[in-house]
Amino acid sequence: MLYELVLTLDDNGTLMVTAPAFPEVTSFGVDRDDAILHGRSAIEEAIAARIEEGTDIPPPSVPGASADVVVDLPAI
């Protein structure tokens, strides 16, 4: 399952991570690799929370021009 991450450099020099498919996802990283790791973990937590709440999980992304990174999550 592919999901997009958007990385934005903040005023402190860290990268803020958001996920267009999951408005509740916001994370940070000290560099690109760290930001991607935290972003992926945040999406996994968002999916787990949605499963627990019984709310819909967005379908996987079709990577577009707005994505800085696409992460691949297992389907389970």
C-alpha atoms as a PDB file:
ATOM      1  CA  MET A   1       0.000   0.000   0.000  1.00  0.00           C
ATOM      2  CA  LEU A   2       1.571   3.246  -1.136  1.00  0.00           C
ATOM      3  CA  TYR A   3       0.951   6.526   0.686  1.00  0.00           C
ATOM      4  CA  GLU A   4       2.349   9.963  -0.037  1.00  0.00           C
ATOM      5  CA  LEU A   5       4.351  12.058   2.405  1.00  0.00           C
ATOM      6  CA  VAL A   6       5.002  15.774   2.035  1.00  0.00           C
ATOM      7  CA  LEU A   7       8.170  17.136   3.656  1.00  0.00           C
ATOM      8  CA  THR A   8       8.406  20.822   4.575  1.00  0.00           C
ATOM      9  CA  LEU A   9      11.457  22.522   6.040  1.00  0.00           C
ATOM     10  CA  ASP A  10      10.416  24.479   9.137  1.00  0.00           C
ATOM     11  CA  ASP A  11      12.005  27.533  10.771  1.00  0.00           C
ATOM     12  CA  ASN A  12      14.101  25.346  13.088  1.00  0.00           C
ATOM     13  CA  GLY A  13      15.745  23.451  10.230  1.00  0.00           C
ATOM     14  CA  THR A  14      13.795  20.259  10.856  1.00  0.00           C
ATOM     15  CA  LEU A  15      11.464  18.644   8.361  1.00  0.00           C
ATOM     16  CA  MET A  16       7.745  18.574   9.060  1.00  0.00           C
ATOM     17  CA  VAL A  17       5.994  15.543   7.608  1.00  0.00           C
ATOM     18  CA  THR A  18       2.347  15.410   6.565  1.00  0.00           C
ATOM     19  CA  ALA A  19       0.346  12.801   4.676  1.00  0.00           C
ATOM     20  CA  PRO A  20      -2.364  14.063   2.292  1.00  0.00           C
ATOM     21  CA  ALA A  21      -4.476  10.916   2.771  1.00  0.00           C
ATOM     22  CA  PHE A  22      -4.374  11.249   6.573  1.00  0.00           C
ATOM     23  CA  PRO A  23      -5.073  14.792   7.804  1.00  0.00           C
ATOM     24  CA  GLU A  24      -4.300  13.712  11.372  1.00  0.00           C
ATOM     25  CA  VAL A  25      -0.690  12.830  10.488  1.00  0.00           C
ATOM     26  CA  THR A  26       1.946  15.395  11.395  1.00  0.00           C
ATOM     27  CA  SER A  27       5.436  14.406  12.387  1.00  0.00           C
ATOM     28  CA  PHE A  28       8.990  15.737  12.245  1.00  0.00           C
ATOM     29  CA  GLY A  29      12.488  14.562  11.445  1.00  0.00           C
ATOM     30  CA  VAL A  30      15.975  15.965  11.791  1.00  0.00           C
ATOM     31  CA  ASP A  31      16.807  14.963   8.209  1.00  0.00           C
ATOM     32  CA  ARG A  32      15.071  13.369   5.220  1.00  0.00           C
ATOM     33  CA  ASP A  33      15.582   9.749   6.314  1.00  0.00           C
ATOM     34  CA  ASP A  34      14.438  10.494   9.861  1.00  0.00           C
ATOM     35  CA  ALA A  35      11.392  12.382   8.575  1.00  0.00           C
ATOM     36  CA  ILE A  36      10.416   9.486   6.300  1.00  0.00           C
ATOM     37  CA  LEU A  37      10.787   7.003   9.166  1.00  0.00           C
ATOM     38  CA  HIS A  38       8.622   9.135  11.474  1.00  0.00           C
ATOM     39  CA  GLY A  39       6.084   9.787   8.713  1.00  0.00           C
ATOM     40  CA  ARG A  40       5.722   6.101   7.963  1.00  0.00           C
ATOM     41  CA  SER A  41       5.265   5.319  11.662  1.00  0.00           C
ATOM     42  CA  ALA A  42       2.660   8.068  11.960  1.00  0.00           C
ATOM     43  CA  ILE A  43       0.673   6.614   9.050  1.00  0.00           C
ATOM     44  CA  GLU A  44       0.823   3.158  10.636  1.00  0.00           C
ATOM     45  CA  GLU A  45      -0.497   4.632  13.909  1.00  0.00           C
ATOM     46  CA  ALA A  46      -3.240   6.509  12.057  1.00  0.00           C
ATOM     47  CA  ILE A  47      -4.340   3.298  10.334  1.00  0.00           C
ATOM     48  CA  ALA A  48      -4.348   1.410  13.660  1.00  0.00           C
ATOM     49  CA  ALA A  49      -6.437   4.168  15.272  1.00  0.00           C
ATOM     50  CA  ARG A  50      -8.908   4.133  12.386  1.00  0.00           C
ATOM     51  CA  ILE A  51      -9.245   0.347  12.611  1.00  0.00           C
ATOM     52  CA  GLU A  52      -9.902   0.624  16.357  1.00  0.00           C
ATOM     53  CA  GLU A  53     -12.470   3.396  15.805  1.00  0.00           C
ATOM     54  CA  GLY A  54     -14.095   1.571  12.886  1.00  0.00           C
ATOM     55  CA  THR A  55     -13.543   4.510  10.524  1.00  0.00           C
ATOM     56  CA  ASP A  56     -12.556   4.305   6.885  1.00  0.00           C
ATOM     57  CA  ILE A  57      -8.963   3.885   5.833  1.00  0.00           C
ATOM     58  CA  PRO A  58      -8.080   5.877   2.735  1.00  0.00           C
ATOM     59  CA  PRO A  59      -7.229   3.820  -0.325  1.00  0.00           C
ATOM     60  CA  PRO A  60      -3.552   3.702  -1.258  1.00  0.00           C
ATOM     61  CA  SER A  61      -2.237   6.705  -3.133  1.00  0.00           C
ATOM     62  CA  VAL A  62      -1.488   6.962  -6.780  1.00  0.00           C
ATOM     63  CA  PRO A  63       1.721   8.976  -6.531  1.00  0.00           C
ATOM     64  CA  GLY A  64       1.250  12.481  -7.854  1.00  0.00           C
ATOM     65  CA  ALA A  65       3.194  15.651  -8.365  1.00  0.00           C
ATOM     66  CA  SER A  66       2.523  16.887  -4.808  1.00  0.00           C
ATOM     67  CA  ALA A  67       4.310  13.979  -3.118  1.00  0.00           C
ATOM     68  CA  ASP A  68       7.876  14.381  -1.928  1.00  0.00           C
ATOM     69  CA  VAL A  69       8.063  10.747  -0.875  1.00  0.00           C
ATOM     70  CA  VAL A  70       5.931   7.644  -1.295  1.00  0.00           C
ATOM     71  CA  VAL A  71       6.144   5.035   1.448  1.00  0.00           C
ATOM     72  CA  ASP A  72       5.132   1.417   1.004  1.00  0.00           C
ATOM     73  CA  LEU A  73       3.236  -0.170   3.889  1.00  0.00           C
ATOM     74  CA  PRO A  74       2.284  -3.836   4.158  1.00  0.00           C
ATOM     75  CA  ALA A  75      -1.365  -4.530   3.386  1.00  0.00           C
ATOM     76  CA  ILE A  76      -2.010  -6.279   6.704  1.00  0.00           C
END
